[in-house]
């Protein structure tokens, strides 16, 4: 299951429709599963972008960025009550 831009990258992508044919029922079920996972990841990224530091360019030292990302992720979980 890959799209041309992701060949060999190891990313999970939906199955393409064969030229001149319809997708099989199995492909449709598989694509729905992939899209469900991808939608959850997109929502998580959108929630993190609510924090201004992720919505704009990070201007601090790059060595501090992983710590900043962990702190914001922890705050986002705290805000959600997890």
Protein backbone atom coordinates (compact mmCIF):
# COMPACT_ATOMS: atom_id res chain seq x y z
CA UNK A 1 0.00 0.00 0.00
CA UNK A 2 1.83 3.08 -1.13
CA UNK A 3 1.48 6.26 -3.09
CA UNK A 4 4.21 7.34 -5.46
CA UNK A 5 5.57 10.01 -3.12
CA UNK A 6 5.93 7.54 -0.26
CA UNK A 7 7.40 4.48 -2.02
CA UNK A 8 10.04 2.85 0.16
CA UNK A 9 9.45 5.19 3.09
CA UNK A 10 7.70 2.59 5.24
CA UNK A 11 4.64 4.83 5.73
CA UNK A 12 1.19 3.27 5.89
CA UNK A 13 -0.90 4.67 3.04
CA UNK A 14 -4.24 3.75 1.44
CA UNK A 15 -4.35 1.31 -1.48
CA UNK A 16 -4.71 2.90 -4.89
CA UNK A 17 -7.50 2.12 -7.31
CA UNK A 18 -6.22 -0.06 -10.17
CA UNK A 19 -6.44 1.73 -13.54
CA UNK A 20 -9.80 1.06 -15.19
CA UNK A 21 -11.07 -1.04 -12.29
CA UNK A 22 -12.92 -0.59 -9.02
CA UNK A 23 -11.39 -1.18 -5.58
CA UNK A 24 -12.12 -4.54 -4.02
CA UNK A 25 -14.15 -4.73 -0.82
CA UNK A 26 -10.97 -5.74 1.05
CA UNK A 27 -9.17 -2.65 -0.24
CA UNK A 28 -12.06 -0.43 0.84
CA UNK A 29 -12.01 -1.93 4.35
CA UNK A 30 -8.21 -1.57 4.55
CA UNK A 31 -8.37 2.06 3.35
CA UNK A 32 -11.04 2.85 5.94
CA UNK A 33 -8.77 1.46 8.68
CA UNK A 34 -5.78 3.45 7.44
CA UNK A 35 -7.84 6.64 7.16
CA UNK A 36 -9.21 6.17 10.70
CA UNK A 37 -5.66 6.01 12.07
CA UNK A 38 -4.48 8.93 9.98
CA UNK A 39 -7.45 11.07 11.08
CA UNK A 40 -6.60 10.47 14.74
CA UNK A 41 -2.99 11.54 14.15
CA UNK A 42 -4.13 14.65 12.24
CA UNK A 43 -6.43 15.62 15.14
CA UNK A 44 -3.59 15.18 17.62
CA UNK A 45 -1.32 17.39 15.51
CA UNK A 46 -4.08 20.00 15.24
CA UNK A 47 -4.47 20.05 19.03
CA UNK A 48 -0.73 20.59 19.48
CA UNK A 49 -0.84 23.44 16.96
CA UNK A 50 -3.25 25.20 19.33
CA UNK A 51 -0.10 26.03 21.28
CA UNK A 52 1.44 29.12 19.68
CA UNK A 53 4.99 27.77 19.85
CA UNK A 54 4.01 24.95 17.45
CA UNK A 55 1.77 27.10 15.25
CA UNK A 56 4.59 29.52 14.48
CA UNK A 57 8.29 29.15 13.82
CA UNK A 58 10.30 27.98 16.85
CA UNK A 59 13.01 30.57 17.54
CA UNK A 60 14.75 29.09 20.55
CA UNK A 61 17.88 26.96 20.55
CA UNK A 62 17.25 23.75 18.61
CA UNK A 63 18.86 21.73 21.40
CA UNK A 64 15.96 22.79 23.66
CA UNK A 65 13.20 21.92 21.18
CA UNK A 66 12.71 18.26 22.28
CA UNK A 67 12.24 19.39 25.88
CA UNK A 68 9.79 22.11 24.79
CA UNK A 69 7.85 19.56 22.71
CA UNK A 70 7.62 17.15 25.65
CA UNK A 71 6.45 19.93 27.98
CA UNK A 72 3.75 21.10 25.58
CA UNK A 73 2.58 17.54 24.95
CA UNK A 74 2.33 16.97 28.72
CA UNK A 75 0.37 20.22 29.11
CA UNK A 76 -1.97 19.23 26.28
CA UNK A 77 -2.65 15.88 28.00
CA UNK A 78 -3.19 17.70 31.32
CA UNK A 79 -5.63 20.09 29.62
CA UNK A 80 -7.57 17.11 28.21
CA UNK A 81 -7.68 15.46 31.64
CA UNK A 82 -5.57 12.45 30.66
